[in-house]
Amino acid sequence: MEAISPLLMNLIIFVLAVYVGYHVVWNVTPALHTPLMAVTNAISAIVIVGAMLAAALTDTPLGKVMGVLAVALAAVNVFGGFLVTRRMLEMFKKKERKAPADGGAK
């Protein structure tokens, strides 16, 4: 008999991950938030692969549902990361200048 059930251990890990993730994200200054979002795309891709493996290797229906949910949420995170990165890059584009009016030419 195990001292702590695997379900309880996984729940503890999940709660700690949520707690740490919350404090990491909310303590980042707004100037750094957008560049960090681009980096999280790579991390989310790894999460997608891990979630697919976890969903495939589990035997319980709850495990499969949680795996599919993890894949869906990570995919949304990747998509949102690309949108935020595109908006950030558009901020640094040079704006086109308007052509001067020809009203004062001699």
N, C-alpha and C. Protein backbone atom coordinates (compact mmCIF):
# COMPACT_ATOMS: atom_id res chain seq x y z
N MET A 1 0.83 -1.18 0.00
CA MET A 1 0.00 0.00 0.00
C MET A 1 0.89 1.25 0.00
N GLU A 2 0.49 2.23 -0.82
CA GLU A 2 1.26 3.46 -0.91
C GLU A 2 0.84 4.43 0.19
N ALA A 3 1.78 5.25 0.63
CA ALA A 3 1.48 6.22 1.68
C ALA A 3 0.57 7.33 1.16
N ILE A 4 0.82 7.78 -0.07
CA ILE A 4 0.00 8.84 -0.68
C ILE A 4 -0.48 8.32 -2.03
N SER A 5 -1.76 8.48 -2.30
CA SER A 5 -2.29 7.99 -3.58
C SER A 5 -1.75 8.83 -4.74
N PRO A 6 -1.59 8.22 -5.91
CA PRO A 6 -1.11 8.98 -7.08
C PRO A 6 -2.03 10.14 -7.44
N LEU A 7 -3.33 9.98 -7.26
CA LEU A 7 -4.27 11.07 -7.56
C LEU A 7 -4.01 12.28 -6.67
N LEU A 8 -3.79 12.04 -5.39
CA LEU A 8 -3.50 13.14 -4.48
C LEU A 8 -2.17 13.80 -4.82
N MET A 9 -1.18 13.01 -5.18
CA MET A 9 0.13 13.57 -5.56
C MET A 9 0.00 14.44 -6.81
N ASN A 10 -0.75 13.97 -7.80
CA ASN A 10 -0.95 14.76 -9.02
C ASN A 10 -1.73 16.03 -8.73
N LEU A 11 -2.69 15.97 -7.83
CA LEU A 11 -3.46 17.15 -7.46
C LEU A 11 -2.57 18.18 -6.76
N ILE A 12 -1.69 17.72 -5.90
CA ILE A 12 -0.75 18.63 -5.22
C ILE A 12 0.16 19.31 -6.23
N ILE A 13 0.68 18.55 -7.18
CA ILE A 13 1.55 19.12 -8.22
C ILE A 13 0.78 20.15 -9.04
N PHE A 14 -0.46 19.84 -9.39
CA PHE A 14 -1.28 20.77 -10.17
C PHE A 14 -1.51 22.07 -9.43
N VAL A 15 -1.87 21.99 -8.16
CA VAL A 15 -2.14 23.18 -7.36
C VAL A 15 -0.87 24.02 -7.22
N LEU A 16 0.26 23.39 -6.99
CA LEU A 16 1.52 24.13 -6.89
C LEU A 16 1.88 24.80 -8.21
N ALA A 17 1.64 24.11 -9.33
CA ALA A 17 1.94 24.69 -10.64
C ALA A 17 1.06 25.90 -10.91
N VAL A 18 -0.22 25.82 -10.54
CA VAL A 18 -1.12 26.97 -10.71
C VAL A 18 -0.65 28.14 -9.85
N TYR A 19 -0.28 27.88 -8.62
CA TYR A 19 0.17 28.92 -7.70
C TYR A 19 1.44 29.60 -8.22
N VAL A 20 2.42 28.82 -8.60
CA VAL A 20 3.68 29.39 -9.10
C VAL A 20 3.43 30.13 -10.41
N GLY A 21 2.64 29.54 -11.31
CA GLY A 21 2.35 30.19 -12.59
C GLY A 21 1.65 31.53 -12.41
N TYR A 22 0.72 31.58 -11.49
CA TYR A 22 0.00 32.83 -11.23
C TYR A 22 0.96 33.92 -10.77
N HIS A 23 1.82 33.61 -9.82
CA HIS A 23 2.74 34.62 -9.31
C HIS A 23 3.82 35.00 -10.32
N VAL A 24 4.23 34.08 -11.15
CA VAL A 24 5.23 34.41 -12.17
C VAL A 24 4.63 35.35 -13.21
N VAL A 25 3.43 35.04 -13.68
CA VAL A 25 2.82 35.86 -14.74
C VAL A 25 2.41 37.24 -14.23
N TRP A 26 1.81 37.33 -13.06
CA TRP A 26 1.31 38.61 -12.58
C TRP A 26 2.40 39.52 -12.04
N ASN A 27 3.61 39.02 -11.81
CA ASN A 27 4.69 39.87 -11.33
C ASN A 27 5.62 40.33 -12.44
N VAL A 28 5.29 40.01 -13.69
CA VAL A 28 6.09 40.47 -14.82
C VAL A 28 5.64 41.87 -15.21
N THR A 29 6.58 42.76 -15.47
CA THR A 29 6.22 44.12 -15.88
C THR A 29 5.57 44.08 -17.26
N PRO A 30 4.67 45.00 -17.56
CA PRO A 30 3.99 44.99 -18.86
C PRO A 30 4.95 45.10 -20.05
N ALA A 31 6.07 45.76 -19.89
CA ALA A 31 7.02 45.90 -21.00
C ALA A 31 7.63 44.56 -21.40
N LEU A 32 7.74 43.65 -20.45
CA LEU A 32 8.34 42.34 -20.75
C LEU A 32 7.31 41.28 -21.08
N HIS A 33 6.05 41.58 -20.89
CA HIS A 33 5.02 40.56 -21.06
C HIS A 33 4.95 40.04 -22.50
N THR A 34 4.99 40.94 -23.48
CA THR A 34 4.86 40.53 -24.87
C THR A 34 6.05 39.72 -25.35
N PRO A 35 7.30 40.13 -25.10
CA PRO A 35 8.41 39.27 -25.53
C PRO A 35 8.40 37.90 -24.85
N LEU A 36 7.97 37.85 -23.61
CA LEU A 36 7.91 36.55 -22.93
C LEU A 36 6.83 35.66 -23.52
N MET A 37 5.78 36.28 -24.07
CA MET A 37 4.72 35.50 -24.69
C MET A 37 5.25 34.72 -25.88
N ALA A 38 6.18 35.31 -26.62
CA ALA A 38 6.77 34.61 -27.76
C ALA A 38 7.55 33.38 -27.31
N VAL A 39 8.20 33.47 -26.17
CA VAL A 39 8.97 32.34 -25.66
C VAL A 39 8.05 31.23 -25.17
N THR A 40 6.89 31.59 -24.65
CA THR A 40 5.99 30.57 -24.13
C THR A 40 5.39 29.70 -25.23
N ASN A 41 5.47 30.15 -26.48
CA ASN A 41 4.99 29.30 -27.57
C ASN A 41 5.78 28.00 -27.62
N ALA A 42 7.08 28.08 -27.45
CA ALA A 42 7.91 26.87 -27.46
C ALA A 42 7.57 25.98 -26.27
N ILE A 43 7.36 26.59 -25.12
CA ILE A 43 7.01 25.80 -23.93
C ILE A 43 5.64 25.14 -24.13
N SER A 44 4.70 25.87 -24.72
CA SER A 44 3.37 25.30 -24.94
C SER A 44 3.43 24.15 -25.95
N ALA A 45 4.32 24.23 -26.91
CA ALA A 45 4.47 23.12 -27.86
C ALA A 45 4.94 21.87 -27.13
N ILE A 46 5.84 22.03 -26.17
CA ILE A 46 6.30 20.89 -25.38
C ILE A 46 5.16 20.36 -24.52
N VAL A 47 4.34 21.26 -23.99
CA VAL A 47 3.18 20.85 -23.19
C VAL A 47 2.20 20.05 -24.05
N ILE A 48 2.01 20.45 -25.29
CA ILE A 48 1.11 19.73 -26.18
C ILE A 48 1.60 18.30 -26.40
N VAL A 49 2.89 18.14 -26.65
CA VAL A 49 3.45 16.80 -26.86
C VAL A 49 3.30 15.96 -25.59
N GLY A 50 3.62 16.54 -24.44
CA GLY A 50 3.48 15.82 -23.18
C GLY A 50 2.04 15.44 -22.88
N ALA A 51 1.11 16.35 -23.18
CA ALA A 51 -0.31 16.07 -22.93
C ALA A 51 -0.82 14.96 -23.85
N MET A 52 -0.36 14.95 -25.09
CA MET A 52 -0.77 13.88 -26.00
C MET A 52 -0.23 12.53 -25.52
N LEU A 53 1.01 12.52 -25.05
CA LEU A 53 1.57 11.28 -24.51
C LEU A 53 0.81 10.83 -23.26
N ALA A 54 0.53 11.77 -22.37
CA ALA A 54 -0.19 11.43 -21.14
C ALA A 54 -1.60 10.92 -21.45
N ALA A 55 -2.27 11.54 -22.41
CA ALA A 55 -3.62 11.10 -22.77
C ALA A 55 -3.60 9.73 -23.43
N ALA A 56 -2.57 9.46 -24.20
CA ALA A 56 -2.48 8.18 -24.89
C ALA A 56 -2.12 7.04 -23.94
N LEU A 57 -1.34 7.32 -22.92
CA LEU A 57 -0.86 6.26 -22.04
C LEU A 57 -1.75 6.00 -20.83
N THR A 58 -2.77 6.80 -20.62
CA THR A 58 -3.64 6.60 -19.46
C THR A 58 -4.72 5.56 -19.77
N ASP A 59 -5.22 4.93 -18.71
CA ASP A 59 -6.25 3.91 -18.88
C ASP A 59 -7.64 4.40 -18.49
N THR A 60 -7.69 5.47 -17.72
CA THR A 60 -8.99 5.92 -17.22
C THR A 60 -9.60 6.97 -18.14
N PRO A 61 -10.93 7.03 -18.20
CA PRO A 61 -11.58 8.06 -19.02
C PRO A 61 -11.26 9.48 -18.52
N LEU A 62 -11.15 9.65 -17.20
CA LEU A 62 -10.83 10.97 -16.66
C LEU A 62 -9.45 11.42 -17.15
N GLY A 63 -8.50 10.51 -17.18
CA GLY A 63 -7.16 10.84 -17.67
C GLY A 63 -7.17 11.26 -19.13
N LYS A 64 -7.98 10.56 -19.93
CA LYS A 64 -8.07 10.92 -21.35
C LYS A 64 -8.71 12.30 -21.53
N VAL A 65 -9.76 12.58 -20.75
CA VAL A 65 -10.43 13.88 -20.83
C VAL A 65 -9.47 14.99 -20.41
N MET A 66 -8.74 14.76 -19.32
CA MET A 66 -7.78 15.77 -18.86
C MET A 66 -6.65 15.97 -19.88
N GLY A 67 -6.22 14.91 -20.54
CA GLY A 67 -5.19 15.03 -21.58
C GLY A 67 -5.67 15.83 -22.77
N VAL A 68 -6.91 15.56 -23.20
CA VAL A 68 -7.48 16.31 -24.32
C VAL A 68 -7.66 17.78 -23.93
N LEU A 69 -8.09 18.03 -22.70
CA LEU A 69 -8.24 19.40 -22.22
C LEU A 69 -6.90 20.12 -22.18
N ALA A 70 -5.86 19.42 -21.75
CA ALA A 70 -4.52 20.02 -21.71
C ALA A 70 -4.03 20.36 -23.12
N VAL A 71 -4.29 19.47 -24.08
CA VAL A 71 -3.90 19.74 -25.46
C VAL A 71 -4.65 20.96 -25.99
N ALA A 72 -5.95 21.04 -25.72
CA ALA A 72 -6.74 22.17 -26.22
C ALA A 72 -6.29 23.49 -25.60
N LEU A 73 -6.07 23.51 -24.30
CA LEU A 73 -5.63 24.76 -23.65
C LEU A 73 -4.24 25.18 -24.11
N ALA A 74 -3.35 24.24 -24.29
CA ALA A 74 -2.01 24.59 -24.78
C ALA A 74 -2.07 25.10 -26.21
N ALA A 75 -2.96 24.53 -27.03
CA ALA A 75 -3.10 25.00 -28.41
C ALA A 75 -3.64 26.43 -28.44
N VAL A 76 -4.59 26.73 -27.56
CA VAL A 76 -5.10 28.11 -27.47
C VAL A 76 -3.98 29.05 -27.05
N ASN A 77 -3.13 28.61 -26.12
CA ASN A 77 -2.01 29.43 -25.67
C ASN A 77 -1.03 29.70 -26.81
N VAL A 78 -0.75 28.69 -27.63
CA VAL A 78 0.16 28.88 -28.76
C VAL A 78 -0.46 29.88 -29.74
N PHE A 79 -1.73 29.71 -30.06
CA PHE A 79 -2.40 30.61 -31.00
C PHE A 79 -2.40 32.04 -30.48
N GLY A 80 -2.73 32.21 -29.20
CA GLY A 80 -2.72 33.55 -28.60
C GLY A 80 -1.32 34.15 -28.57
N GLY A 81 -0.33 33.31 -28.34
CA GLY A 81 1.06 33.80 -28.35
C GLY A 81 1.47 34.33 -29.70
N PHE A 82 1.05 33.65 -30.77
CA PHE A 82 1.37 34.14 -32.11
C PHE A 82 0.65 35.45 -32.41
N LEU A 83 -0.59 35.58 -31.95
CA LEU A 83 -1.32 36.83 -32.16
C LEU A 83 -0.65 37.99 -31.43
N VAL A 84 -0.25 37.77 -30.19
CA VAL A 84 0.39 38.82 -29.41
C VAL A 84 1.73 39.19 -30.01
N THR A 85 2.48 38.19 -30.46
CA THR A 85 3.78 38.46 -31.08
C THR A 85 3.61 39.27 -32.36
N ARG A 86 2.60 38.94 -33.17
CA ARG A 86 2.36 39.71 -34.40
C ARG A 86 2.01 41.16 -34.08
N ARG A 87 1.17 41.36 -33.07
CA ARG A 87 0.82 42.73 -32.68
C ARG A 87 2.05 43.49 -32.19
N MET A 88 2.92 42.80 -31.46
CA MET A 88 4.13 43.45 -30.97
C MET A 88 5.02 43.87 -32.14
N LEU A 89 5.18 43.00 -33.11
CA LEU A 89 6.02 43.34 -34.26
C LEU A 89 5.42 44.46 -35.09
N GLU A 90 4.11 44.54 -35.17
CA GLU A 90 3.47 45.64 -35.90
C GLU A 90 3.71 46.99 -35.23
N MET A 91 3.91 46.99 -33.91
CA MET A 91 4.19 48.25 -33.21
C MET A 91 5.53 48.83 -33.62
N PHE A 92 6.46 47.99 -34.05
CA PHE A 92 7.79 48.47 -34.39
C PHE A 92 7.97 48.78 -35.87
N LYS A 93 6.94 48.60 -36.68
CA LYS A 93 7.02 48.95 -38.09
C LYS A 93 7.02 50.47 -38.24
N LYS A 94 7.73 50.94 -39.25
CA LYS A 94 7.72 52.37 -39.51
C LYS A 94 6.39 52.75 -40.15
N LYS A 95 5.85 53.83 -39.67
CA LYS A 95 4.59 54.30 -40.21
C LYS A 95 4.85 55.08 -41.49
N GLU A 96 3.94 54.94 -42.45
CA GLU A 96 4.09 55.68 -43.70
C GLU A 96 3.75 57.15 -43.46
N ARG A 97 4.57 58.02 -44.03
CA ARG A 97 4.31 59.45 -43.90
C ARG A 97 3.40 59.90 -45.02
N LYS A 98 2.53 60.82 -44.69
CA LYS A 98 1.62 61.36 -45.69
C LYS A 98 2.40 62.28 -46.63
N ALA A 99 2.04 62.25 -47.89
CA ALA A 99 2.69 63.12 -48.87
C ALA A 99 2.26 64.55 -48.58
N PRO A 100 3.22 65.51 -48.63
CA PRO A 100 2.86 66.91 -48.37
C PRO A 100 1.89 67.44 -49.43
N ALA A 101 0.98 68.27 -49.00
CA ALA A 101 0.03 68.87 -49.93
C ALA A 101 0.77 69.82 -50.88
N ASP A 102 0.35 69.88 -52.12
CA ASP A 102 1.04 70.68 -53.14
C ASP A 102 0.43 72.06 -53.26
N GLY A 103 -0.22 72.55 -52.24
CA GLY A 103 -0.90 73.84 -52.27
C GLY A 103 0.05 75.04 -52.26
N GLY A 104 1.25 74.94 -51.69
CA GLY A 104 2.14 76.07 -51.56
C GLY A 104 3.30 76.07 -52.54
N ALA A 105 3.26 75.24 -53.57
CA ALA A 105 4.38 75.15 -54.53
C ALA A 105 4.36 76.33 -55.48
N LYS A 106 5.55 76.84 -55.83
CA LYS A 106 5.63 77.99 -56.76
C LYS A 106 6.13 77.56 -58.09
